[in-house]
Amino acid sequence: MKVLQINSFCSVGSTGKIAVDLHDILKQNGHDCKIAYGRESVSGVDPGDVIKIGDKFNIYTDALMTRLTDRAGFYSRRATEELIEKIKRYDPDIIQLHNLHGYYINIEILFEYLKKAKKPVVWLLHDCWSFTGHCAHFEYAGCDKWIKGCEKCSQSGFYPKSYVDSSQKNYELKKRLFTSIENMTIVTPSKWLAELVKQSFFAKYPVDVIYNGIDLEVFKPRQSDFRKKYGLENKKIILGVASIWTERKGLSDLIDLSKKLDESYKIVIVGKAKKVKIPTNMIYIERTKSQEELAEIYSAADVFINPTFEDNFPSVNIEALACGTPVITYRTGGSPEAVDEICGAVTDERTPESILNTIKMLEKKRLRSDDCVMRAASEYDKTRKYMEYVSLYEKIQVKQQ
């Protein structure tokens, strides 16, 4: 079986790592796989297994035009035409789509090809961009226009940022293009997103839920000198992790929480916090040197807090569990789906006071670290999760025969 994946990244970021993990599982099981990608560098993949889409000039031009016109996904014509020729030469049995936003591909050209080629398509949705007229997420904005048709977008200033509003036209074109494929299966990494897909113009397609997996050889309980290094030997560590901290990730709630804690606690923040001043009573680590170092920090923490106001299925939750750290999260998006009563808690009230009360409640319950590890091992091992894609591909191929 020959599988072609298309994504904005390869090996970089959460979606790029997912693409590479899936690639590795396919190769280990005797299948052929290539990854077509648009941005950043590649590591850990045979150069013969990757297809670069366009170049930096293409990305910058696409991003600029998107900013001026709000037409994300409708530029990069030449890069996409060159990609189509490479796809024809490779002649895959399955085409696996990931993120098609990111200023690197033309969705009109791509889907016209997919329609004519009549090859089975599996589309893993990492966010909501595919069925909206503009945004990748809308929970924070409280918008439901996407159900019937976008217009007068309130999020034009957010990614993919634009100075104008073309959401109505984008929505209509996406609907026409994306629903033109005869044989397509939608995959979501959360039940929450699957329910949204069933309300969208994708409703006619089958939807499978396959949770993201993580490397349990990396994310596991680890010994380290983290507490000693930061003078936290006698502190209760409250940890928050994000690739980039924004208001939508709940950074302000963690800052407010720090003002309500006594001296027995210390909040540690990992990830870039742009244009935000972190209080001196919090420890700020902009970036770790490796995933192993991040796992050491997870392991040192007493509780992991994810106060996200919108998310699909955040990997940080399952990384923390795999390292033996209980998780507290707001009831937003798919974030609560990784948590049950033996490994954490979900708060319905999205406030720092609610987080503090939940921390106190978990301290009384005395959750076992081993239970957190067991949940991650049983539900989110990357080998087992990505084998579910292989099984899906094989089932689709049988139907094709």
Foldseek 3Di string as FASTA:
>chain_A
DEEEEEEQEAPPDDVNVLVVLLCVLCVVVPYHYAYEHEDDDYPDDDPVRYHYQDDPVQQVVLLVVCQAPVQFQAGSVVSAVVVLVVCVVSVGQEYEYEDSGRRGHHLQVVLVSLLVVLHAYEYEYQFCCLQWLHDRDCLVVVDDCSLPADDPDPVCCPVSHYPDDPSRVSNVVSLVRVVSHDHYEYEYQFVLVVVVCCSHSNVVHHYHHFHAFDALVQQAADDDCVCVVVVNPQAAEEEEEDQEDDVQQPPVQVQVLLVVDDPRYEYEYEAHYPPDDRDPRHHYHHHDPDSNVVSNVLNPHQAYEGLGSEGADDPVQLSSLLNLHAYEYEPYHRPCVLDDPQRYYYDPDRHSVRVVVRVVVCVVVVHGSVVSNVSSVVRHHNSVSSVVVVVVSVVSVVVVD
